[in-house]
Protein backbone atom coordinates (compact mmCIF):
# COMPACT_ATOMS: atom_id res chain seq x y z
CA MET A 1 -30.77 29.96 -82.29
CA VAL A 2 -30.04 26.88 -84.11
CA ASN A 3 -29.10 27.37 -88.07
CA GLY A 4 -30.74 25.19 -90.40
CA ILE A 5 -28.74 22.66 -92.75
CA ALA A 6 -30.62 22.61 -95.86
CA GLU A 7 -30.19 19.79 -98.34
CA ASN A 8 -32.57 18.63 -101.47
CA ASN A 9 -36.06 19.20 -100.06
CA ARG A 10 -35.57 19.15 -96.15
CA VAL A 11 -34.20 21.48 -93.80
CA LEU A 12 -32.81 19.77 -90.98
CA TYR A 13 -32.38 21.68 -86.97
CA GLN A 14 -30.23 19.97 -84.76
CA ASN A 15 -30.37 19.60 -81.27
CA VAL A 16 -33.35 22.33 -80.92
CA PHE A 17 -34.25 20.71 -77.60
CA THR A 18 -31.77 18.19 -75.94
CA GLY A 19 -31.74 14.85 -78.55
CA MET A 20 -34.32 16.51 -80.55
CA ASN A 21 -34.18 17.46 -84.17
CA LEU A 22 -36.75 19.16 -86.33
CA GLU A 23 -36.82 18.40 -89.75
CA TYR A 24 -39.19 20.07 -92.54
CA SER A 25 -39.48 18.79 -96.03
CA THR A 26 -41.66 19.38 -98.71
CA THR A 27 -44.04 17.07 -100.45
CA TYR A 28 -45.92 16.26 -103.73
CA SER A 29 -49.16 17.99 -101.49
CA GLY A 30 -47.50 20.39 -99.09
CA MET A 31 -44.70 20.68 -95.97
CA LYS A 32 -44.00 18.00 -93.46
CA GLU A 33 -42.59 18.12 -90.31
CA ASN A 34 -40.53 15.56 -88.46
CA PHE A 35 -39.62 15.78 -84.81
CA ILE A 36 -36.56 13.34 -84.24
CA LEU A 37 -36.25 12.02 -81.27
CA SER A 38 -32.19 10.37 -80.54
CA GLN A 39 -32.16 7.60 -78.24
CA ALA A 40 -30.12 10.33 -75.93
CA GLY A 41 -33.06 12.19 -75.60
CA ARG A 42 -35.21 8.91 -75.32
CA ASP A 43 -33.31 8.08 -72.12
CA GLY A 44 -33.76 11.34 -70.60
CA LEU A 45 -37.13 10.71 -70.44
CA PRO A 46 -39.13 9.42 -67.90
CA ALA A 47 -40.29 5.63 -67.89
CA PRO A 48 -44.01 5.25 -68.76
CA VAL A 49 -44.32 3.09 -65.55
CA GLN A 50 -42.43 6.13 -63.89
CA LEU A 51 -45.99 8.02 -64.09
CA GLY A 52 -48.00 5.55 -63.80
CA MET A 53 -49.25 4.98 -67.29
CA SER A 54 -48.68 1.60 -69.45
CA GLU A 55 -45.13 1.16 -71.91
CA GLU A 56 -47.64 -0.47 -74.13
CA THR A 57 -49.86 2.39 -74.66
CA THR A 58 -48.20 5.71 -74.00
CA LEU A 59 -47.13 7.86 -76.96
CA LEU A 60 -45.60 10.83 -76.71
CA ALA A 61 -46.82 13.87 -78.02
CA ILE A 62 -45.35 17.00 -79.02
CA GLU A 63 -47.11 20.09 -79.30
CA ASN A 64 -46.77 22.76 -81.84
CA SER A 65 -47.92 25.93 -82.92
CA ILE A 66 -48.68 28.07 -85.80
CA ARG A 67 -48.93 31.55 -86.17
CA PHE A 68 -50.80 33.86 -88.35
CA ASN A 69 -50.52 37.55 -89.88
CA GLU A 70 -54.53 37.56 -90.43
CA ASN A 71 -57.82 36.54 -88.88
CA VAL A 72 -58.04 32.63 -89.53
CA GLU A 73 -60.59 30.16 -88.58
CA ALA A 74 -60.13 26.68 -87.94
CA PHE A 75 -62.19 23.79 -88.93
CA ALA A 76 -61.56 20.00 -87.76
CA GLU A 77 -64.30 17.31 -88.12
CA GLY A 78 -66.86 19.90 -89.58
CA HIS A 79 -66.61 22.21 -86.67
CA SER A 80 -64.98 25.30 -86.05
CA ILE A 81 -62.21 25.02 -83.59
CA THR A 82 -61.26 28.54 -82.92
CA GLU A 83 -61.30 30.30 -79.77
CA ASN A 84 -60.71 34.25 -79.07
CA ASP A 85 -58.03 34.13 -76.41
CA PRO A 86 -58.32 38.07 -74.99
CA GLU A 87 -54.69 37.52 -74.53
CA LYS A 88 -53.51 35.75 -77.57
CA GLY A 89 -56.04 36.75 -80.03
CA ARG A 90 -57.43 33.71 -82.02
CA LYS A 91 -56.05 30.30 -81.07
CA PHE A 92 -56.96 26.94 -81.94
CA GLU A 93 -56.84 23.42 -80.17
CA TYR A 94 -57.13 19.98 -82.16
CA HIS A 95 -56.36 16.82 -80.35
CA GLY A 96 -57.40 13.76 -83.21
CA ASN A 97 -55.44 12.98 -86.14
CA ARG A 98 -58.26 14.00 -89.17
CA GLY A 99 -57.41 17.41 -90.97
CA VAL A 100 -58.10 20.71 -89.84
CA LEU A 101 -58.95 23.51 -92.63
CA PHE A 102 -57.93 26.92 -92.03
CA ARG A 103 -60.04 29.52 -93.87
CA SER A 104 -59.20 33.42 -93.91
CA LEU A 105 -61.93 35.73 -92.51
CA ASN A 106 -61.48 38.05 -95.23
CA GLY A 107 -62.28 35.31 -97.85
CA LYS A 108 -58.69 35.76 -100.18
CA GLY A 109 -57.35 32.03 -98.95
CA ARG A 110 -57.34 28.72 -97.13
CA PHE A 111 -55.18 25.59 -96.76
CA ALA A 112 -55.66 22.19 -95.30
CA LEU A 113 -53.53 20.25 -92.75
CA PRO A 114 -54.61 16.92 -94.27
CA ALA A 115 -55.26 13.85 -91.77
CA GLY A 116 -52.01 11.95 -92.29
CA PHE A 117 -49.77 15.61 -91.58
CA THR A 118 -52.03 16.00 -88.03
CA GLY A 119 -51.50 12.79 -86.24
CA ASP A 120 -48.90 10.71 -87.77
């Protein structure tokens, strides 16, 4: 377990993975999550050319998950992205850079991850 270091509007978790810090900060409109890769972390990654990819066009993608205590449906680009997994329950998968809207099935709440927060 990694303990967070709180300062002003942010909490920093150091070395959640080798060479990677995780930072949560609050903004005027919500919360921001940043994965910060150190030079040592970058050096530990294979070069894109080793994987048959171009260094100019290859990006590092980090997958993340959000867990809910109630039934929620997610929408992106005007369509539901909710799937029912027999083992894991409801799940959402989105590969894009537009916002995602979450709505409670009991009608009591909803929130959104704005476009800049889902793909920057």
